[in-house]
């Protein structure tokens, strides 16, 4: 019985990988979806006018992180402790992988002259405002 439960979480993760991350929409559609996901970028260091935020890989990574967040928040509550551990480890590993890709991504626009070489930014997801009940 344990094998079946463990395979359920593995199957769930495989379906996410195949059905969501494996079926990415066009870049234009990803941009629309990323805007709806309410990502915000806060500059910490550097001149951001030198950066290309329309970089297709940047958009893909943000879209993937957003889809991952949606899936994570909808995770089945019926998972056992062991299954939750597998689930969390998978998402932690995936999150780190996307974060590493973002760190290596070259977002600089090609320009002449002196371009600052160090940029630091914070990317976060804005929470939806709570609805007031009268």
C-alpha atoms as a PDB file:
ATOM      1  CA  UNK A   1       0.000   0.000   0.000  1.00  0.00           C
ATOM      2  CA  UNK A   2       2.886   2.371   0.736  1.00  0.00           C
ATOM      3  CA  UNK A   3       4.247   1.947  -2.786  1.00  0.00           C
ATOM      4  CA  UNK A   4       0.877   2.956  -4.228  1.00  0.00           C
ATOM      5  CA  UNK A   5       0.692   6.091  -2.046  1.00  0.00           C
ATOM      6  CA  UNK A   6       4.256   7.046  -2.922  1.00  0.00           C
ATOM      7  CA  UNK A   7       3.529   6.474  -6.589  1.00  0.00           C
ATOM      8  CA  UNK A   8       0.443   8.721  -6.288  1.00  0.00           C
ATOM      9  CA  UNK A   9       2.572  11.724  -5.344  1.00  0.00           C
ATOM     10  CA  UNK A  10       5.123  10.817  -8.014  1.00  0.00           C
ATOM     11  CA  UNK A  11       2.304  10.520 -10.568  1.00  0.00           C
ATOM     12  CA  UNK A  12       0.934  13.890  -9.450  1.00  0.00           C
ATOM     13  CA  UNK A  13       4.349  15.497  -9.926  1.00  0.00           C
ATOM     14  CA  UNK A  14       4.852  13.788 -13.292  1.00  0.00           C
ATOM     15  CA  UNK A  15       1.482  15.108 -14.457  1.00  0.00           C
ATOM     16  CA  UNK A  16       2.472  18.638 -13.419  1.00  0.00           C
ATOM     17  CA  UNK A  17       5.771  18.293 -15.256  1.00  0.00           C
ATOM     18  CA  UNK A  18       4.128  16.885 -18.390  1.00  0.00           C
ATOM     19  CA  UNK A  19       0.810  18.764 -18.549  1.00  0.00           C
ATOM     20  CA  UNK A  20       1.887  22.196 -17.322  1.00  0.00           C
ATOM     21  CA  UNK A  21       5.614  22.682 -17.811  1.00  0.00           C
ATOM     22  CA  UNK A  22       5.701  20.421 -20.856  1.00  0.00           C
ATOM     23  CA  UNK A  23       2.918  22.330 -22.639  1.00  0.00           C
ATOM     24  CA  UNK A  24       4.134  25.906 -22.493  1.00  0.00           C
ATOM     25  CA  UNK A  25       2.093  28.465 -24.439  1.00  0.00           C
ATOM     26  CA  UNK A  26       3.582  31.052 -26.790  1.00  0.00           C
ATOM     27  CA  UNK A  27       5.780  33.793 -25.326  1.00  0.00           C
ATOM     28  CA  UNK A  28       2.997  36.351 -25.926  1.00  0.00           C
ATOM     29  CA  UNK A  29       0.546  34.197 -23.971  1.00  0.00           C
ATOM     30  CA  UNK A  30       3.139  33.662 -21.227  1.00  0.00           C
ATOM     31  CA  UNK A  31       3.583  37.439 -20.922  1.00  0.00           C
ATOM     32  CA  UNK A  32      -0.182  37.869 -20.455  1.00  0.00           C
ATOM     33  CA  UNK A  33      -0.288  35.086 -17.871  1.00  0.00           C
ATOM     34  CA  UNK A  34       2.764  36.423 -16.010  1.00  0.00           C
ATOM     35  CA  UNK A  35       1.044  39.821 -15.784  1.00  0.00           C
ATOM     36  CA  UNK A  36      -2.028  38.133 -14.294  1.00  0.00           C
ATOM     37  CA  UNK A  37       0.204  36.275 -11.818  1.00  0.00           C
ATOM     38  CA  UNK A  38       1.038  39.668 -10.266  1.00  0.00           C
ATOM     39  CA  UNK A  39       4.824  39.354 -10.227  1.00  0.00           C
ATOM     40  CA  UNK A  40       6.659  42.468  -9.100  1.00  0.00           C
ATOM     41  CA  UNK A  41      10.321  43.312  -9.647  1.00  0.00           C
ATOM     42  CA  UNK A  42      12.037  45.554  -7.147  1.00  0.00           C
ATOM     43  CA  UNK A  43      15.433  46.962  -8.156  1.00  0.00           C
ATOM     44  CA  UNK A  44      18.055  46.671  -5.432  1.00  0.00           C
ATOM     45  CA  UNK A  45      21.275  47.580  -7.251  1.00  0.00           C
ATOM     46  CA  UNK A  46      22.161  48.782 -10.751  1.00  0.00           C
ATOM     47  CA  UNK A  47      20.480  50.759 -13.520  1.00  0.00           C
ATOM     48  CA  UNK A  48      17.512  48.738 -14.734  1.00  0.00           C
ATOM     49  CA  UNK A  49      17.124  50.809 -17.895  1.00  0.00           C
ATOM     50  CA  UNK A  50      19.902  48.602 -19.327  1.00  0.00           C
ATOM     51  CA  UNK A  51      17.886  45.406 -18.869  1.00  0.00           C
ATOM     52  CA  UNK A  52      15.670  43.529 -21.304  1.00  0.00           C
ATOM     53  CA  UNK A  53      12.693  42.210 -19.370  1.00  0.00           C
ATOM     54  CA  UNK A  54      11.196  40.874 -22.618  1.00  0.00           C
ATOM     55  CA  UNK A  55      13.902  38.191 -22.721  1.00  0.00           C
ATOM     56  CA  UNK A  56      12.045  35.003 -23.645  1.00  0.00           C
ATOM     57  CA  UNK A  57      13.930  32.813 -21.158  1.00  0.00           C
ATOM     58  CA  UNK A  58      13.214  35.316 -18.364  1.00  0.00           C
ATOM     59  CA  UNK A  59       9.501  35.200 -19.241  1.00  0.00           C
ATOM     60  CA  UNK A  60       9.554  31.373 -19.366  1.00  0.00           C
ATOM     61  CA  UNK A  61      11.172  31.123 -15.943  1.00  0.00           C
ATOM     62  CA  UNK A  62       8.693  33.567 -14.365  1.00  0.00           C
ATOM     63  CA  UNK A  63       5.794  31.723 -16.001  1.00  0.00           C
ATOM     64  CA  UNK A  64       7.109  28.370 -14.745  1.00  0.00           C
ATOM     65  CA  UNK A  65       7.555  29.741 -11.219  1.00  0.00           C
ATOM     66  CA  UNK A  66       4.014  31.123 -11.292  1.00  0.00           C
ATOM     67  CA  UNK A  67       2.558  27.823 -12.489  1.00  0.00           C
ATOM     68  CA  UNK A  68       4.592  26.017  -9.867  1.00  0.00           C
ATOM     69  CA  UNK A  69       3.188  28.339  -7.193  1.00  0.00           C
ATOM     70  CA  UNK A  70      -0.390  27.766  -8.399  1.00  0.00           C
ATOM     71  CA  UNK A  71       0.079  23.995  -8.399  1.00  0.00           C
ATOM     72  CA  UNK A  72       1.769  24.064  -4.996  1.00  0.00           C
ATOM     73  CA  UNK A  73      -1.118  26.044  -3.468  1.00  0.00           C
ATOM     74  CA  UNK A  74      -3.661  23.579  -4.908  1.00  0.00           C
ATOM     75  CA  UNK A  75      -1.783  20.498  -3.705  1.00  0.00           C
ATOM     76  CA  UNK A  76      -4.034  17.754  -2.416  1.00  0.00           C
ATOM     77  CA  UNK A  77      -4.570  17.898   1.335  1.00  0.00           C
ATOM     78  CA  UNK A  78      -4.862  14.112   1.390  1.00  0.00           C
ATOM     79  CA  UNK A  79      -1.098  13.632   1.093  1.00  0.00           C
ATOM     80  CA  UNK A  80       0.529  11.669   3.899  1.00  0.00           C
ATOM     81  CA  UNK A  81       3.506  13.095   5.805  1.00  0.00           C
ATOM     82  CA  UNK A  82       5.909  11.092   3.658  1.00  0.00           C
ATOM     83  CA  UNK A  83       4.169  12.205   0.461  1.00  0.00           C
ATOM     84  CA  UNK A  84       4.280  15.825   1.627  1.00  0.00           C
ATOM     85  CA  UNK A  85       8.014  15.423   2.204  1.00  0.00           C
ATOM     86  CA  UNK A  86       8.485  14.130  -1.346  1.00  0.00           C
ATOM     87  CA  UNK A  87       6.249  16.925  -2.665  1.00  0.00           C
ATOM     88  CA  UNK A  88       8.138  19.667  -0.781  1.00  0.00           C
ATOM     89  CA  UNK A  89      11.557  18.282  -1.737  1.00  0.00           C
ATOM     90  CA  UNK A  90      10.545  18.201  -5.396  1.00  0.00           C
ATOM     91  CA  UNK A  91       9.335  21.793  -5.360  1.00  0.00           C
ATOM     92  CA  UNK A  92      12.319  23.000  -3.365  1.00  0.00           C
ATOM     93  CA  UNK A  93      14.652  21.412  -5.904  1.00  0.00           C
ATOM     94  CA  UNK A  94      12.699  22.853  -8.815  1.00  0.00           C
ATOM     95  CA  UNK A  95      12.578  26.318  -7.242  1.00  0.00           C
ATOM     96  CA  UNK A  96      16.349  26.295  -6.728  1.00  0.00           C
ATOM     97  CA  UNK A  97      16.858  25.213 -10.320  1.00  0.00           C
ATOM     98  CA  UNK A  98      14.766  28.131 -11.634  1.00  0.00           C
ATOM     99  CA  UNK A  99      16.505  30.512  -9.242  1.00  0.00           C
ATOM    100  CA  UNK A 100      19.906  29.352 -10.508  1.00  0.00           C
ATOM    101  CA  UNK A 101      18.747  29.916 -14.093  1.00  0.00           C
ATOM    102  CA  UNK A 102      17.601  33.445 -13.218  1.00  0.00           C
ATOM    103  CA  UNK A 103      20.974  34.169 -11.627  1.00  0.00           C
ATOM    104  CA  UNK A 104      22.806  33.073 -14.791  1.00  0.00           C
ATOM    105  CA  UNK A 105      20.481  34.838 -17.231  1.00  0.00           C
ATOM    106  CA  UNK A 106      21.919  37.744 -19.222  1.00  0.00           C
ATOM    107  CA  UNK A 107      19.246  40.446 -19.351  1.00  0.00           C
ATOM    108  CA  UNK A 108      21.502  43.282 -20.537  1.00  0.00           C
ATOM    109  CA  UNK A 109      20.461  45.175 -23.638  1.00  0.00           C
ATOM    110  CA  UNK A 110      23.196  45.530 -26.247  1.00  0.00           C
ATOM    111  CA  UNK A 111      24.382  49.140 -25.931  1.00  0.00           C
ATOM    112  CA  UNK A 112      27.509  51.045 -26.621  1.00  0.00           C
ATOM    113  CA  UNK A 113      29.433  52.789 -23.915  1.00  0.00           C
ATOM    114  CA  UNK A 114      29.844  51.789 -20.331  1.00  0.00           C
ATOM    115  CA  UNK A 115      27.160  49.355 -19.171  1.00  0.00           C
ATOM    116  CA  UNK A 116      26.977  48.609 -15.462  1.00  0.00           C
ATOM    117  CA  UNK A 117      27.794  44.952 -14.955  1.00  0.00           C
ATOM    118  CA  UNK A 118      26.073  44.257 -11.626  1.00  0.00           C
ATOM    119  CA  UNK A 119      22.317  44.181 -11.199  1.00  0.00           C
ATOM    120  CA  UNK A 120      20.409  42.934  -8.233  1.00  0.00           C
ATOM    121  CA  UNK A 121      16.663  42.640  -8.074  1.00  0.00           C
ATOM    122  CA  UNK A 122      13.996  41.072  -5.952  1.00  0.00           C
ATOM    123  CA  UNK A 123      11.199  39.222  -7.726  1.00  0.00           C
ATOM    124  CA  UNK A 124       8.098  38.556  -5.693  1.00  0.00           C
ATOM    125  CA  UNK A 125       4.448  37.854  -6.173  1.00  0.00           C
ATOM    126  CA  UNK A 126       2.007  40.480  -4.999  1.00  0.00           C
ATOM    127  CA  UNK A 127      -0.749  39.076  -2.815  1.00  0.00           C
ATOM    128  CA  UNK A 128      -4.315  39.600  -3.898  1.00  0.00           C
ATOM    129  CA  UNK A 129      -6.048  42.134  -1.669  1.00  0.00           C
ATOM    130  CA  UNK A 130      -8.463  40.629   0.827  1.00  0.00           C
ATOM    131  CA  UNK A 131     -12.082  41.203  -0.056  1.00  0.00           C
ATOM    132  CA  UNK A 132     -13.960  43.232   2.509  1.00  0.00           C
ATOM    133  CA  UNK A 133     -17.184  41.805   3.807  1.00  0.00           C
ATOM    134  CA  UNK A 134     -19.766  44.367   4.876  1.00  0.00           C
END
